[in-house]
Amino acid sequence: MADTYDTIDESRLLPNVQDSFGRQVRIIHPGYYSSGGDPDFDVLISFEAFDDGGSGVDYDTAHIACAIIAGNTWDGYFSEDPHGKKKIHPPNRVLSYGRYYFCLPSSNDPSTDQYPIIPRFKDWRFPHDNLPPIWKRLYSQYRANGSPRCVMSNCGDVVEQAHLVLLQQSLWWTQNLMKKYSRTSLFSTDQIDALANLLPLRCDIHKIFDERHFAFVPKKVISREAKEKHVGEARETNAEQLQDDAERSASSPDSQLPVRSLESSYNSPQTNSPIHIVGHVFNSTPSGDLPRRFHNRAIHALPSTLSIDLLFARFAYTIFSPSIFKDFLDSDKGRYIMTWDHEKKRHDVGFASAEKCHAIWNASRSRSESPRKRSKAAGDGPEDGYAVGLGSDVDSGYGDNSQTSLAEDEPRRGRTRKRDWEEDILDVFEAKRTKLEGRSEPKGIKP
């Protein structure tokens, strides 16, 4: 007899999300272990422990995020030690909060392999015809319709069309040939504005989505029999809390969240195990409402025109947010990085000093990589102001008080100035050094 499947409202396992703050899953780059010091100075990326009642993070989501930063290395693996000897395959598909190392199988001793990483979204190449296995399954498993309602809240009012790949990333769009996923029959419609790249979201959710606090990801569910076994084991340790959680989930049927598969291996297909597309919250907002309301909430339905490939590109764009990928470049160590050379059509691998790494990260955190300029309206301030907010490419910095504008470091905004974060690494560092030395730039300078 075929298994039947249930979902539970897992967000209700976080009755007080503040209790999970401070619990992080820290993923370490193992290659800098031999240089000594505290491994926490070599954190590749860290995740808030919002999954499974604040106990950890979904394995697939964390694994794919690390693989993207390492240049789409889907065969990488987690280990409890920097030498890659203690591989991690959690039975419930959740990495418990703590410290792990992301290792590559090409290295005999990961602790000596300073493999290069991708520092910015603009340097990341889209993996055409090579999505991770769980994302490939969405091609055949996800169901869509043409509903114009918000995919997260199912609201039919104040709904806006959110771009998966933002207009500000049009150069990346062109260089990565993303138009192949976004066909349009209208001559007047730019392909980046086609329906395949648009997701209906309520206006407030759209704003938070564009600030890269959350993304949509596939997660697995388990059979009812396996779930009952898992729940039974948990009941033995905390029966009273489990009953309370069950009552909470039963009282809110409209927020359907999946339970991860109890697989023994990451690459095990288990085609009978269904998957859901859900919201995964990376950063909370000051109220703490975002994880409670939207973490692991299954979407109601995707538009039938939407592209899974572009949804994956948006996940990668979120990972490179300076409030998520924030630790590795902001360090006192130099790093090996991969930057994209458009002329040569390949990645250049090289060593960047700690100062250069920090300049790259600091440029992305202080302002958008490609801010959207707004038109001046009556009563507006300076003519050349930049819009920060709905539809912008700027991270709000919720949960990171350091993400504020540095008045002395930031040049006066204007049309005539070349944006330094669009330069190559050396140019970014040179621009920072120039500003620190107080040198003025001639008006109308050419790149």
Protein backbone atom coordinates (compact mmCIF):
# COMPACT_ATOMS: atom_id res chain seq x y z
CA MET A 1 0.00 0.00 0.00
CA ALA A 2 1.37 3.38 -1.01
CA ASP A 3 2.36 5.77 1.71
CA THR A 4 0.16 8.75 2.40
CA TYR A 5 1.69 12.07 3.20
CA ASP A 6 0.91 14.87 5.60
CA THR A 7 2.28 18.31 6.16
CA ILE A 8 2.39 20.23 9.38
CA ASP A 9 2.38 23.90 10.18
CA GLU A 10 5.96 23.96 11.32
CA SER A 11 6.10 27.70 11.83
CA ARG A 12 3.92 27.14 14.90
CA LEU A 13 6.83 25.29 16.45
CA LEU A 14 8.30 28.74 16.93
CA PRO A 15 5.78 30.25 19.40
CA ASN A 16 8.49 32.67 20.52
CA VAL A 17 10.97 33.16 17.71
CA GLN A 18 13.21 35.23 19.96
CA ASP A 19 14.18 31.98 21.70
CA SER A 20 15.91 30.79 18.52
CA PHE A 21 17.91 34.00 18.00
CA GLY A 22 21.58 33.42 18.66
CA ARG A 23 21.26 29.82 17.50
CA GLN A 24 23.15 29.61 14.26
CA VAL A 25 24.44 26.93 11.96
CA ARG A 26 27.94 28.09 11.05
CA ILE A 27 29.58 26.61 7.96
CA ILE A 28 33.38 26.91 7.98
CA HIS A 29 35.78 26.95 5.04
CA PRO A 30 38.21 24.15 6.02
CA GLY A 31 41.13 25.34 3.88
CA TYR A 32 42.25 28.01 6.33
CA TYR A 33 42.41 25.62 9.28
CA SER A 34 46.17 25.13 9.00
CA SER A 35 46.76 28.86 9.36
CA GLY A 36 45.64 28.58 12.97
CA GLY A 37 43.31 30.74 15.01
CA ASP A 38 39.64 30.43 15.81
CA PRO A 39 37.71 28.61 13.02
CA ASP A 40 34.85 31.07 13.52
CA PHE A 41 37.02 33.64 11.73
CA ASP A 42 36.70 31.44 8.62
CA VAL A 43 32.90 31.14 8.55
CA LEU A 44 31.88 30.70 4.93
CA ILE A 45 28.21 31.42 5.66
CA SER A 46 25.91 31.13 8.65
CA PHE A 47 22.19 30.38 8.93
CA GLU A 48 19.63 31.20 11.58
CA ALA A 49 18.31 28.00 13.18
CA PHE A 50 14.68 28.55 12.19
CA ASP A 51 13.96 24.98 11.06
CA ASP A 52 12.39 22.28 13.24
CA GLY A 53 11.33 24.55 16.05
CA GLY A 54 14.53 26.56 16.14
CA SER A 55 16.90 23.59 16.27
CA GLY A 56 18.73 23.89 12.96
CA VAL A 57 18.55 24.57 9.22
CA ASP A 58 17.30 22.49 6.32
CA TYR A 59 20.17 20.38 4.96
CA ASP A 60 19.43 20.87 1.27
CA THR A 61 19.03 24.64 1.57
CA ALA A 62 22.33 25.01 3.43
CA HIS A 63 24.17 22.58 1.14
CA ILE A 64 23.07 24.28 -2.07
CA ALA A 65 23.88 27.73 -0.69
CA CYS A 66 27.44 26.63 0.13
CA ALA A 67 27.80 24.93 -3.25
CA ILE A 68 26.77 28.14 -5.04
CA ILE A 69 29.39 30.16 -3.17
CA ALA A 70 32.01 27.53 -4.04
CA GLY A 71 31.18 27.78 -7.75
CA ASN A 72 28.25 25.34 -8.16
CA THR A 73 30.03 22.38 -6.58
CA TRP A 74 26.97 20.20 -5.92
CA ASP A 75 29.17 17.27 -4.86
CA GLY A 76 30.55 19.11 -1.83
CA TYR A 77 29.75 17.71 1.61
CA PHE A 78 29.52 18.70 5.26
CA SER A 79 31.91 17.34 7.87
CA GLU A 80 32.27 17.77 11.60
CA ASP A 81 36.06 18.07 11.26
CA PRO A 82 38.21 20.16 8.89
CA HIS A 83 39.85 17.06 7.42
CA GLY A 84 36.56 15.78 6.00
CA LYS A 85 36.67 12.50 7.91
CA LYS A 86 33.34 12.84 9.76
CA LYS A 87 30.78 13.37 7.04
CA ILE A 88 27.35 14.57 8.11
CA HIS A 89 24.11 13.02 6.85
CA PRO A 90 21.49 13.98 9.45
CA PRO A 91 18.62 11.46 9.44
CA ASN A 92 15.96 14.18 9.59
CA ARG A 93 17.62 16.31 6.89
CA VAL A 94 18.27 19.14 9.37
CA LEU A 95 21.68 20.45 10.41
CA SER A 96 21.49 21.15 14.12
CA TYR A 97 22.84 24.48 15.24
CA GLY A 98 26.59 24.35 15.67
CA ARG A 99 29.69 24.31 13.48
CA TYR A 100 30.38 22.30 10.29
CA TYR A 101 32.92 22.36 7.46
CA PHE A 102 32.02 22.47 3.76
CA CYS A 103 34.52 20.22 1.98
CA LEU A 104 35.12 19.39 -1.66
CA PRO A 105 35.67 15.76 -2.75
CA SER A 106 38.52 16.82 -5.05
CA SER A 107 40.75 17.42 -2.02
CA ASN A 108 42.63 14.66 -0.20
CA ASP A 109 42.84 16.84 2.89
CA PRO A 110 40.23 19.65 2.90
CA SER A 111 42.08 21.41 5.73
CA THR A 112 44.81 22.34 3.24
CA ASP A 113 42.54 23.16 0.28
CA GLN A 114 41.92 26.90 0.12
CA TYR A 115 39.42 26.49 -2.69
CA PRO A 116 38.31 29.82 -4.21
CA ILE A 117 34.85 31.23 -3.66
CA ILE A 118 32.52 33.51 -5.61
CA PRO A 119 32.49 36.91 -3.86
CA ARG A 120 29.50 38.56 -5.59
CA PHE A 121 26.38 37.67 -7.51
CA LYS A 122 27.80 39.38 -10.61
CA ASP A 123 30.66 36.84 -10.59
CA TRP A 124 28.36 33.81 -10.31
CA ARG A 125 27.53 31.89 -13.49
CA PHE A 126 24.12 30.27 -13.90
CA PRO A 127 24.41 26.44 -14.14
CA HIS A 128 22.43 25.81 -17.31
CA ASP A 129 21.06 22.23 -17.43
CA ASN A 130 22.81 21.51 -14.13
CA LEU A 131 20.53 22.47 -11.26
CA PRO A 132 20.86 20.59 -7.94
CA PRO A 133 18.81 17.34 -7.84
CA ILE A 134 16.02 18.64 -5.58
CA TRP A 135 15.52 21.64 -7.87
CA LYS A 136 15.44 19.44 -10.96
CA ARG A 137 12.53 17.56 -9.44
CA LEU A 138 10.46 20.73 -9.55
CA TYR A 139 10.32 20.51 -13.33
CA SER A 140 7.95 17.56 -13.08
CA GLN A 141 6.54 17.76 -9.55
CA TYR A 142 5.37 21.29 -8.98
CA ARG A 143 1.84 22.25 -9.93
CA ALA A 144 1.00 25.71 -11.18
CA ASN A 145 -1.98 27.76 -12.21
CA GLY A 146 -2.62 31.18 -13.62
CA SER A 147 -3.86 32.78 -10.41
CA PRO A 148 -2.92 36.45 -9.97
CA ARG A 149 -3.09 36.11 -6.17
CA CYS A 150 -0.08 36.45 -3.88
CA VAL A 151 1.73 33.10 -3.81
CA MET A 152 2.63 33.49 -0.13
CA SER A 153 -0.50 34.96 1.48
CA ASN A 154 -3.13 34.07 -1.15
CA CYS A 155 -4.22 37.69 -0.95
CA GLY A 156 -5.98 39.06 -4.02
CA ASP A 157 -5.56 42.75 -3.23
CA VAL A 158 -2.51 45.08 -3.34
CA VAL A 159 -0.63 42.42 -5.29
CA GLU A 160 2.44 43.40 -7.29
CA GLN A 161 4.61 41.58 -9.78
CA ALA A 162 8.03 40.91 -8.24
CA HIS A 163 10.94 40.29 -10.60
CA LEU A 164 12.94 37.15 -9.85
CA VAL A 165 15.98 38.54 -11.62
CA LEU A 166 15.81 42.26 -10.92
CA LEU A 167 16.00 44.92 -13.60
CA GLN A 168 19.18 46.16 -11.92
CA GLN A 169 20.79 42.82 -12.83
CA SER A 170 20.10 43.20 -16.55
CA LEU A 171 23.81 42.96 -17.38
CA TRP A 172 24.09 39.68 -15.47
CA TRP A 173 20.90 38.55 -17.25
CA THR A 174 22.43 39.21 -20.65
CA GLN A 175 25.85 37.74 -19.86
CA ASN A 176 24.29 34.52 -18.57
CA LEU A 177 21.86 34.12 -21.47
CA MET A 178 18.84 34.03 -19.15
CA LYS A 179 16.50 35.03 -21.95
CA LYS A 180 16.29 31.36 -22.91
CA TYR A 181 13.96 30.87 -19.90
CA SER A 182 11.86 33.96 -20.56
CA ARG A 183 10.24 34.00 -23.96
CA THR A 184 7.76 36.70 -24.90
CA SER A 185 5.66 37.07 -28.02
CA LEU A 186 5.35 40.83 -27.62
CA PHE A 187 7.95 42.91 -29.44
CA SER A 188 7.48 45.78 -26.97
CA THR A 189 8.14 43.62 -23.88
CA ASP A 190 11.69 43.21 -22.65
CA GLN A 191 12.43 39.56 -21.89
CA ILE A 192 13.42 40.37 -18.31
CA ASP A 193 9.86 41.69 -17.87
CA ALA A 194 8.25 38.55 -19.29
CA LEU A 195 5.83 36.50 -17.18
CA ALA A 196 8.43 33.77 -16.62
CA ASN A 197 10.40 36.24 -14.48
CA LEU A 198 7.44 37.63 -12.51
CA LEU A 199 6.01 36.42 -9.20
CA PRO A 200 2.79 37.87 -7.71
CA LEU A 201 3.37 39.05 -4.13
CA ARG A 202 1.45 41.29 -1.77
CA CYS A 203 3.15 44.69 -1.68
CA ASP A 204 4.61 44.39 1.83
CA ILE A 205 5.89 40.86 1.15
CA HIS A 206 7.33 42.11 -2.14
CA LYS A 207 9.36 44.72 -0.27
CA ILE A 208 10.78 42.14 2.17
CA PHE A 209 11.45 39.76 -0.73
CA ASP A 210 13.44 42.41 -2.61
CA GLU A 211 15.41 43.15 0.55
CA ARG A 212 16.48 39.50 0.46
CA HIS A 213 15.21 38.46 3.86
CA PHE A 214 13.75 35.25 2.42
CA ALA A 215 13.66 33.15 -0.73
CA PHE A 216 11.55 30.31 -2.11
CA VAL A 217 13.14 26.87 -1.96
CA PRO A 218 12.06 23.22 -2.39
CA LYS A 219 11.90 21.08 0.74
CA LYS A 220 10.92 17.45 1.18
CA VAL A 221 8.13 15.91 3.21
CA ILE A 222 8.01 12.48 4.84
CA SER A 223 5.42 9.76 4.81
CA ARG A 224 2.81 9.76 7.56
CA GLU A 225 4.21 6.50 8.99
CA ALA A 226 7.74 7.91 9.18
CA LYS A 227 6.39 11.11 10.64
CA GLU A 228 4.51 9.24 13.36
CA LYS A 229 7.70 7.39 14.27
CA HIS A 230 9.63 10.66 14.41
CA VAL A 231 6.91 12.33 16.46
CA GLY A 232 6.73 9.34 18.77
CA GLU A 233 10.42 9.61 19.57
CA ALA A 234 10.07 13.31 20.22
CA ARG A 235 7.06 12.71 22.48
CA GLU A 236 9.16 10.53 24.75
CA THR A 237 11.48 13.47 25.43
CA ASN A 238 8.99 16.30 25.52
CA ALA A 239 5.39 15.11 25.41
CA GLU A 240 3.87 18.26 26.80
CA GLN A 241 5.63 20.58 24.33
CA LEU A 242 4.78 18.33 21.40
CA GLN A 243 1.08 18.34 22.28
CA ASP A 244 1.12 22.12 22.44
CA ASP A 245 2.79 22.31 19.02
CA ALA A 246 0.25 19.91 17.53
CA GLU A 247 -2.63 22.04 18.78
CA ARG A 248 -1.02 25.13 17.30
CA SER A 249 -0.55 23.53 13.90
CA ALA A 250 -4.08 22.14 13.85
CA SER A 251 -5.51 25.57 14.56
CA SER A 252 -3.94 27.17 11.47
CA PRO A 253 -4.50 24.93 8.42
CA ASP A 254 -3.77 27.67 5.89
CA SER A 255 -0.04 27.70 6.60
CA GLN A 256 1.16 24.35 5.32
CA LEU A 257 4.82 23.60 5.97
CA PRO A 258 6.71 20.44 5.03
CA VAL A 259 8.65 18.03 7.18
CA ARG A 260 11.99 17.01 5.72
CA SER A 261 12.57 13.53 4.43
CA LEU A 262 14.22 11.01 6.77
CA GLU A 263 16.71 9.97 4.15
CA SER A 264 20.05 8.41 4.93
CA SER A 265 21.93 9.97 2.03
CA TYR A 266 21.83 13.37 0.34
CA ASN A 267 21.69 11.93 -3.16
CA SER A 268 19.06 9.30 -2.43
CA PRO A 269 16.25 10.02 -4.92
CA GLN A 270 13.19 8.68 -3.03
CA THR A 271 10.90 9.67 -5.85
CA ASN A 272 7.87 8.78 -3.71
CA SER A 273 8.77 11.54 -1.28
CA PRO A 274 7.01 14.72 -2.43
CA ILE A 275 8.46 18.19 -2.19
CA HIS A 276 6.95 21.61 -1.57
CA ILE A 277 8.13 25.06 -2.55
CA VAL A 278 8.25 27.05 0.69
CA GLY A 279 9.52 30.33 2.01
CA HIS A 280 12.86 30.11 3.79
CA VAL A 281 13.64 33.08 6.03
CA PHE A 282 17.33 33.98 6.33
CA ASN A 283 17.01 37.17 8.37
CA SER A 284 14.26 38.24 10.72
CA THR A 285 12.73 41.70 10.98
CA PRO A 286 12.77 43.75 14.21
CA SER A 287 9.30 42.56 15.23
CA GLY A 288 10.28 38.90 14.87
CA ASP A 289 7.14 38.29 12.82
CA LEU A 290 8.81 37.16 9.62
CA PRO A 291 9.99 33.68 10.74
CA ARG A 292 6.77 33.08 12.67
CA ARG A 293 4.54 33.94 9.75
CA PHE A 294 6.44 32.85 6.66
CA HIS A 295 9.31 30.48 7.42
CA ASN A 296 8.53 27.11 5.78
CA ARG A 297 5.09 28.31 4.68
CA ALA A 298 4.22 26.44 1.52
CA ILE A 299 3.21 28.59 -1.41
CA HIS A 300 -0.40 28.45 -2.54
CA ALA A 301 0.35 28.09 -6.24
CA LEU A 302 2.93 29.29 -8.70
CA PRO A 303 1.88 31.00 -11.92
CA SER A 304 1.92 28.53 -14.78
CA THR A 305 4.21 30.87 -16.72
CA LEU A 306 6.94 31.07 -14.06
CA SER A 307 10.38 29.59 -14.74
CA ILE A 308 11.94 27.25 -12.17
CA ASP A 309 15.38 28.22 -13.47
CA LEU A 310 14.72 31.88 -12.75
CA LEU A 311 13.40 30.98 -9.29
CA PHE A 312 16.73 29.26 -8.65
CA ALA A 313 18.61 32.33 -9.89
CA ARG A 314 16.68 34.36 -7.33
CA PHE A 315 17.73 31.96 -4.57
CA ALA A 316 21.37 32.47 -5.54
CA TYR A 317 20.88 36.24 -5.62
CA THR A 318 19.50 36.09 -2.08
CA ILE A 319 22.46 34.03 -0.85
CA PHE A 320 24.86 36.76 -2.01
CA SER A 321 23.08 39.39 0.06
CA PRO A 322 25.64 41.13 2.30
CA SER A 323 23.43 40.40 5.31
CA ILE A 324 23.62 36.63 4.59
CA PHE A 325 27.02 36.09 2.96
CA LYS A 326 28.58 38.42 5.48
CA ASP A 327 31.34 36.64 7.36
CA PHE A 328 33.93 35.31 4.95
CA LEU A 329 34.97 38.54 3.25
CA ASP A 330 34.70 40.67 6.37
CA SER A 331 37.73 39.13 8.06
CA ASP A 332 41.36 39.84 8.87
CA LYS A 333 42.52 37.23 6.36
CA GLY A 334 43.09 37.31 2.63
CA ARG A 335 40.99 34.91 0.53
CA TYR A 336 41.18 33.10 -2.78
CA ILE A 337 38.30 34.30 -4.91
CA MET A 338 36.87 33.78 -8.41
CA THR A 339 35.87 36.86 -10.39
CA TRP A 340 34.26 36.73 -13.80
CA ASP A 341 36.20 38.14 -16.76
CA HIS A 342 33.60 38.90 -19.40
CA GLU A 343 36.18 39.54 -22.10
CA LYS A 344 37.89 36.19 -21.58
CA LYS A 345 34.60 34.40 -20.76
CA ARG A 346 36.06 32.65 -17.75
CA HIS A 347 36.69 33.02 -14.04
CA ASP A 348 39.96 34.55 -12.91
CA VAL A 349 41.20 32.92 -9.70
CA GLY A 350 43.48 34.92 -7.46
CA PHE A 351 44.36 35.88 -3.94
CA ALA A 352 42.73 39.01 -2.55
CA SER A 353 44.11 40.69 0.54
CA ALA A 354 41.98 41.19 3.62
CA GLU A 355 41.61 44.87 2.69
CA LYS A 356 40.38 44.07 -0.80
CA CYS A 357 37.93 41.47 0.48
CA HIS A 358 36.58 43.90 3.02
CA ALA A 359 36.24 46.60 0.34
CA ILE A 360 34.12 44.28 -1.80
CA TRP A 361 31.86 43.36 1.10
CA ASN A 362 31.66 46.89 2.47
CA ALA A 363 30.65 48.29 -0.92
CA SER A 364 27.77 45.84 -1.17
CA ARG A 365 26.54 46.41 2.37
CA SER A 366 26.59 50.21 2.37
CA ARG A 367 24.54 50.53 -0.78
CA SER A 368 23.04 48.46 -3.54
CA GLU A 369 25.33 47.02 -6.18
CA SER A 370 23.05 48.63 -8.78
CA PRO A 371 20.66 51.02 -7.05
CA ARG A 372 17.52 52.02 -8.87
CA LYS A 373 17.33 55.73 -9.50
CA ARG A 374 13.94 57.30 -8.91
CA SER A 375 12.44 60.15 -10.84
CA LYS A 376 12.13 63.42 -8.96
CA ALA A 377 8.63 64.18 -7.75
CA ALA A 378 7.21 67.36 -6.30
CA GLY A 379 8.60 67.88 -2.82
CA ASP A 380 11.45 65.42 -3.27
CA GLY A 381 14.96 66.12 -2.05
CA PRO A 382 18.06 66.10 -4.22
CA GLU A 383 17.52 65.55 -7.90
CA ASP A 384 19.82 62.55 -8.04
CA GLY A 385 18.43 60.64 -5.07
CA TYR A 386 18.19 56.87 -5.03
CA ALA A 387 15.06 55.01 -4.03
CA VAL A 388 15.48 52.55 -1.21
CA GLY A 389 12.50 50.35 -0.55
CA LEU A 390 9.89 48.69 -2.67
CA GLY A 391 11.40 47.29 -5.81
CA SER A 392 14.88 48.37 -4.85
CA ASP A 393 18.00 46.25 -4.76
CA VAL A 394 19.00 47.52 -1.32
CA ASP A 395 19.16 45.36 1.78
CA SER A 396 17.46 47.03 4.72
CA GLY A 397 19.93 45.61 7.19
CA TYR A 398 17.37 44.23 9.62
CA GLY A 399 19.26 42.42 12.32
CA ASP A 400 22.56 44.05 11.41
CA ASN A 401 23.06 47.44 13.01
CA SER A 402 26.32 47.90 11.13
CA GLN A 403 24.54 48.25 7.81
CA THR A 404 24.17 52.00 7.99
CA SER A 405 25.36 54.66 5.68
CA LEU A 406 28.91 55.81 6.43
CA ALA A 407 28.77 59.56 5.87
CA GLU A 408 32.52 60.03 5.60
CA ASP A 409 33.13 56.98 3.42
CA GLU A 410 30.28 57.48 0.99
CA PRO A 411 30.85 59.89 -1.90
CA ARG A 412 28.19 62.39 -2.81
CA ARG A 413 25.69 60.63 -5.06
CA GLY A 414 25.34 62.00 -8.54
CA ARG A 415 25.07 61.08 -12.18
CA THR A 416 28.63 61.95 -13.08
CA ARG A 417 30.35 59.55 -10.70
CA LYS A 418 31.35 56.01 -11.68
CA ARG A 419 29.99 53.54 -9.13
CA ASP A 420 33.02 51.90 -7.55
CA TRP A 421 31.33 48.58 -6.81
CA GLU A 422 30.89 48.03 -10.54
CA GLU A 423 34.65 48.03 -10.97
CA ASP A 424 36.99 45.09 -10.80
CA ILE A 425 38.45 44.17 -7.41
CA LEU A 426 41.52 46.38 -7.74
CA ASP A 427 39.40 49.33 -8.81
CA VAL A 428 37.10 48.85 -5.85
CA PHE A 429 40.03 48.91 -3.47
CA GLU A 430 41.61 51.88 -5.23
CA ALA A 431 38.33 53.81 -4.98
CA LYS A 432 38.15 53.10 -1.25
CA ARG A 433 41.77 54.17 -0.77
CA THR A 434 41.15 57.33 -2.75
CA LYS A 435 38.20 58.30 -0.58
CA LEU A 436 40.08 57.58 2.62
CA GLU A 437 42.96 59.79 1.50
CA GLY A 438 40.48 62.59 0.83
CA ARG A 439 41.31 63.04 -2.84
CA SER A 440 38.53 64.53 -4.92
CA GLU A 441 37.59 63.17 -8.28
CA PRO A 442 37.20 65.45 -11.28
CA LYS A 443 33.64 65.93 -12.38
CA GLY A 444 32.69 63.88 -15.38
CA ILE A 445 35.53 61.40 -14.94
CA LYS A 446 35.49 58.60 -17.47
CA PRO A 447 35.86 54.94 -16.51
